[in-house]
Amino acid sequence: MKIAVIPARGGSKRIKNKNIREFAGKPLISYSLAAAIDAGLFDEIIVSTDSSEIAAVSRQYGATYIVERSADLSDDFTGTTPVVRDAIKCYELNLEKEIEQVCCIYATAPFLSAHALRSGFDKLCKTENAKFAFSVTSFPFPIQRSIRLVGNGVEPVFDKQIKMRSQDLEEYYHDAGQFYWGTRSAWLASTGMFKEHSCPIVLPRYLVQDIDTHEDWQRAELMYRAYIKDNENE
């Protein structure tokens, strides 16, 4: 069976109640739940949370199972992998069902699409020796031409490449922070995500926006409303 795991703790510091705060008219987590449902892939859509309020909202928008996350997995320093492993173990212990693939979906991904989730699953299954498949996007500016602030001035980070033309520089990518498909065994073994056994699913930059600060939130809403309006006009 295939499950989705959406980590959504209640103790967000920079944006209070971020996971269920209203984003463009609906709770932020509802967009991730909708994409998971629309993908038509999952036998169970699990939300791992330490908040009864998040659990209630998640059920309202389609979560089929809630994992009550313990306090030691709900602090500011716990990574995603331990939370996913805990969800897998809790679900299997209580339901006694055999899981084959697991997709971790972030609760803060309003641009996530069912199509991207299906692409990730397809690539994971069809790529030999693949353990993970996750969303990535390109940097909007060549990182080789980065500068750092030094005193009252600046200096290049990569002195030999700062003067090169953009088209002559290798393009680099970063984690898009939307979804992470993986085999059950890979998640439980903690084999690492950023390695050759992980398949990249490349997303356009206009569908990617981290939401960690209030400025991020405002930018994401503006992007989302423009994206929806553009689609409505097609």
Protein backbone atom coordinates (compact mmCIF):
# COMPACT_ATOMS: atom_id res chain seq x y z
CA MET A 1 0.00 0.00 0.00
CA LYS A 2 0.98 3.64 -0.46
CA ILE A 3 0.61 6.28 2.24
CA ALA A 4 1.08 10.02 2.45
CA VAL A 5 2.52 11.49 5.64
CA ILE A 6 2.00 15.20 6.30
CA PRO A 7 4.03 16.50 9.27
CA ALA A 8 2.20 19.40 10.92
CA ARG A 9 3.22 20.33 14.43
CA GLY A 10 1.46 23.10 16.30
CA GLY A 11 4.40 25.03 17.69
CA SER A 12 5.40 27.25 14.78
CA LYS A 13 7.30 30.26 16.11
CA ARG A 14 7.71 32.79 13.31
CA ILE A 15 4.17 32.44 11.91
CA LYS A 16 1.68 31.47 14.61
CA ASN A 17 -0.54 28.50 13.72
CA LYS A 18 1.07 28.47 10.29
CA ASN A 19 -0.20 25.07 9.19
CA ILE A 20 -3.87 25.98 9.64
CA ARG A 21 -3.71 29.75 9.15
CA GLU A 22 -5.97 30.96 6.34
CA PHE A 23 -4.11 31.16 3.03
CA ALA A 24 -6.06 32.62 0.08
CA GLY A 25 -9.30 31.66 1.82
CA LYS A 26 -8.52 28.19 3.20
CA PRO A 27 -6.28 26.63 5.87
CA LEU A 28 -2.76 26.24 4.48
CA ILE A 29 -2.65 22.49 5.11
CA SER A 30 -5.83 22.00 3.08
CA TYR A 31 -3.92 22.55 -0.17
CA SER A 32 -1.54 19.67 0.56
CA LEU A 33 -4.45 17.44 1.53
CA ALA A 34 -6.32 18.34 -1.66
CA ALA A 35 -3.31 17.52 -3.85
CA ALA A 36 -2.87 14.17 -2.09
CA ILE A 37 -6.53 13.32 -2.60
CA ASP A 38 -6.54 14.44 -6.23
CA ALA A 39 -3.45 12.34 -6.99
CA GLY A 40 -5.55 9.22 -6.50
CA LEU A 41 -2.53 7.23 -5.32
CA PHE A 42 -2.82 6.91 -1.58
CA ASP A 43 -4.49 4.21 0.46
CA GLU A 44 -4.14 6.43 3.54
CA ILE A 45 -3.44 10.14 4.03
CA ILE A 46 -1.83 10.56 7.44
CA VAL A 47 -1.24 13.77 9.35
CA SER A 48 1.35 13.63 12.12
CA THR A 49 0.68 16.35 14.68
CA ASP A 50 0.86 17.30 18.33
CA SER A 51 -2.14 19.64 18.00
CA SER A 52 -5.78 18.65 18.40
CA GLU A 53 -6.78 21.75 16.42
CA ILE A 54 -4.60 20.76 13.47
CA ALA A 55 -5.95 17.21 13.70
CA ALA A 56 -9.54 18.47 13.52
CA VAL A 57 -8.86 20.74 10.53
CA SER A 58 -6.98 17.95 8.78
CA ARG A 59 -9.88 15.53 9.17
CA GLN A 60 -12.23 18.19 7.85
CA TYR A 61 -10.16 18.53 4.67
CA GLY A 62 -9.61 14.85 3.97
CA ALA A 63 -6.99 13.31 6.26
CA THR A 64 -7.89 9.68 6.84
CA TYR A 65 -5.61 8.94 9.80
CA ILE A 66 -4.00 11.04 12.56
CA VAL A 67 -0.74 10.13 14.28
CA GLU A 68 -0.49 11.83 17.67
CA ARG A 69 3.10 12.98 17.67
CA SER A 70 5.02 12.77 20.95
CA ALA A 71 6.65 15.79 22.59
CA ASP A 72 10.17 14.61 21.78
CA LEU A 73 9.31 14.72 18.06
CA SER A 74 7.63 18.13 18.26
CA ASP A 75 10.46 20.49 19.13
CA ASP A 76 12.22 23.01 16.88
CA PHE A 77 15.12 20.69 16.11
CA THR A 78 13.44 17.46 15.01
CA GLY A 79 13.92 16.74 11.32
CA THR A 80 11.43 15.35 8.85
CA THR A 81 12.80 11.81 8.62
CA PRO A 82 12.25 10.85 12.30
CA VAL A 83 8.66 12.10 12.05
CA VAL A 84 7.99 10.04 8.92
CA ARG A 85 9.57 6.94 10.47
CA ASP A 86 7.41 7.39 13.57
CA ALA A 87 4.27 7.69 11.43
CA ILE A 88 5.14 4.52 9.52
CA LYS A 89 5.76 2.54 12.70
CA CYS A 90 2.64 3.85 14.48
CA TYR A 91 0.42 3.10 11.52
CA GLU A 92 1.78 -0.41 10.97
CA LEU A 93 1.59 -1.21 14.66
CA ASN A 94 -2.05 -0.18 14.95
CA LEU A 95 -3.37 -1.29 11.57
CA GLU A 96 -1.14 -4.28 10.83
CA LYS A 97 -0.95 -3.39 7.15
CA GLU A 98 2.08 -3.68 4.87
CA ILE A 99 3.36 -0.39 3.45
CA GLU A 100 5.44 -0.28 0.28
CA GLN A 101 5.86 3.40 -0.60
CA VAL A 102 5.61 6.53 1.52
CA CYS A 103 5.30 10.14 0.37
CA CYS A 104 6.10 12.87 2.86
CA ILE A 105 4.16 15.99 1.88
CA TYR A 106 4.83 19.31 3.56
CA ALA A 107 1.81 21.10 5.03
CA THR A 108 3.11 24.40 3.69
CA ALA A 109 2.98 23.65 -0.05
CA PRO A 110 -0.02 25.44 -1.62
CA PHE A 111 1.45 25.09 -5.12
CA LEU A 112 1.73 21.31 -4.88
CA SER A 113 -0.11 19.52 -7.68
CA ALA A 114 -1.51 16.03 -8.06
CA HIS A 115 0.42 15.80 -11.33
CA ALA A 116 3.74 16.39 -9.55
CA LEU A 117 2.92 13.71 -6.98
CA ARG A 118 2.09 11.22 -9.72
CA SER A 119 5.30 12.12 -11.57
CA GLY A 120 7.32 11.48 -8.43
CA PHE A 121 5.72 8.10 -7.83
CA ASP A 122 6.18 7.08 -11.46
CA LYS A 123 9.86 8.00 -11.43
CA LEU A 124 10.48 6.23 -8.13
CA CYS A 125 8.94 3.01 -9.47
CA LYS A 126 10.54 3.10 -12.92
CA THR A 127 14.09 4.15 -12.00
CA GLU A 128 16.42 1.26 -11.22
CA ASN A 129 17.77 1.30 -7.66
CA ALA A 130 15.87 4.48 -6.79
CA LYS A 131 15.11 4.97 -3.11
CA PHE A 132 13.61 8.46 -3.18
CA ALA A 133 12.07 10.94 -5.61
CA PHE A 134 11.53 14.53 -4.54
CA SER A 135 10.75 18.01 -5.87
CA VAL A 136 13.54 20.40 -6.87
CA THR A 137 13.73 23.72 -8.67
CA SER A 138 16.52 25.82 -10.13
CA PHE A 139 18.10 28.86 -8.49
CA PRO A 140 16.88 32.07 -10.16
CA PHE A 141 20.43 33.48 -10.32
CA PRO A 142 23.78 31.72 -10.83
CA ILE A 143 25.15 30.85 -7.40
CA GLN A 144 28.69 31.09 -8.84
CA ARG A 145 28.18 34.85 -9.05
CA SER A 146 27.24 35.20 -5.38
CA ILE A 147 28.72 38.00 -3.28
CA ARG A 148 29.09 38.34 0.48
CA LEU A 149 28.97 41.47 2.61
CA VAL A 150 32.36 42.34 4.10
CA GLY A 151 32.60 45.37 6.36
CA ASN A 152 31.14 48.27 4.41
CA GLY A 153 31.68 46.55 1.07
CA VAL A 154 31.34 43.25 -0.74
CA GLU A 155 33.50 40.47 -2.16
CA PRO A 156 32.79 37.55 -4.54
CA VAL A 157 32.23 34.13 -3.06
CA PHE A 158 33.65 32.45 -6.18
CA ASP A 159 36.38 34.76 -7.39
CA LYS A 160 37.17 32.84 -10.59
CA GLN A 161 33.56 32.71 -11.79
CA ILE A 162 32.15 36.10 -10.81
CA LYS A 163 32.89 37.60 -14.24
CA MET A 164 31.65 34.68 -16.30
CA ARG A 165 28.49 34.97 -18.39
CA SER A 166 25.38 33.37 -16.91
CA GLN A 167 24.93 31.13 -19.95
CA ASP A 168 28.44 29.72 -19.44
CA LEU A 169 27.79 28.62 -15.86
CA GLU A 170 26.32 25.30 -14.74
CA GLU A 171 22.73 25.54 -13.50
CA TYR A 172 22.17 24.49 -9.89
CA TYR A 173 19.04 23.28 -8.11
CA HIS A 174 17.65 23.20 -4.59
CA ASP A 175 15.04 21.26 -2.66
CA ALA A 176 11.61 22.69 -3.52
CA GLY A 177 10.15 21.69 -0.14
CA GLN A 178 6.95 20.07 -1.43
CA PHE A 179 7.11 16.27 -1.44
CA TYR A 180 9.46 13.34 -0.87
CA TRP A 181 8.54 9.91 -2.20
CA GLY A 182 10.48 6.98 -0.83
CA THR A 183 10.32 3.26 -0.32
CA ARG A 184 9.38 2.10 3.15
CA SER A 185 12.80 0.53 3.63
CA ALA A 186 14.61 3.71 2.59
CA TRP A 187 12.70 5.84 5.07
CA LEU A 188 13.26 3.39 7.91
CA ALA A 189 16.94 2.94 7.11
CA SER A 190 17.66 6.69 6.99
CA THR A 191 19.76 6.25 3.85
CA GLY A 192 19.84 9.99 3.10
CA MET A 193 17.88 12.07 0.62
CA PHE A 194 20.50 14.10 -1.25
CA LYS A 195 22.32 11.23 -2.92
CA GLU A 196 22.48 9.45 -6.27
CA HIS A 197 19.68 7.09 -5.31
CA SER A 198 17.21 10.02 -5.27
CA CYS A 199 15.38 11.11 -8.43
CA PRO A 200 14.75 14.84 -8.93
CA ILE A 201 11.33 16.03 -10.06
CA VAL A 202 12.02 19.47 -11.51
CA LEU A 203 9.35 22.10 -10.90
CA PRO A 204 9.16 25.58 -12.45
CA ARG A 205 10.23 28.36 -10.08
CA TYR A 206 6.83 30.06 -10.25
CA LEU A 207 5.34 27.05 -8.45
CA VAL A 208 7.83 27.08 -5.58
CA GLN A 209 7.89 29.34 -2.53
CA ASP A 210 9.15 28.60 0.98
CA ILE A 211 6.84 29.93 3.69
CA ASP A 212 8.98 30.56 6.76
CA THR A 213 8.46 34.27 7.42
CA HIS A 214 5.63 36.79 7.12
CA GLU A 215 7.29 38.17 3.99
CA ASP A 216 7.36 34.66 2.51
CA TRP A 217 3.66 34.31 3.30
CA GLN A 218 2.73 37.55 1.60
CA ARG A 219 4.79 36.71 -1.47
CA ALA A 220 3.28 33.21 -1.67
CA GLU A 221 -0.29 34.54 -1.50
CA LEU A 222 0.43 37.08 -4.23
CA MET A 223 1.97 34.34 -6.40
CA TYR A 224 -0.92 31.97 -5.72
CA ARG A 225 -3.65 34.50 -6.52
CA ALA A 226 -1.86 35.48 -9.74
CA TYR A 227 -1.44 31.80 -10.68
CA ILE A 228 -5.11 31.01 -10.05
CA LYS A 229 -6.27 34.10 -11.95
CA ASP A 230 -4.05 33.20 -14.90
CA ASN A 231 -5.46 29.66 -14.99
CA GLU A 232 -9.02 30.97 -14.84
CA ASN A 233 -8.35 33.17 -17.86
CA GLU A 234 -7.05 30.30 -20.01
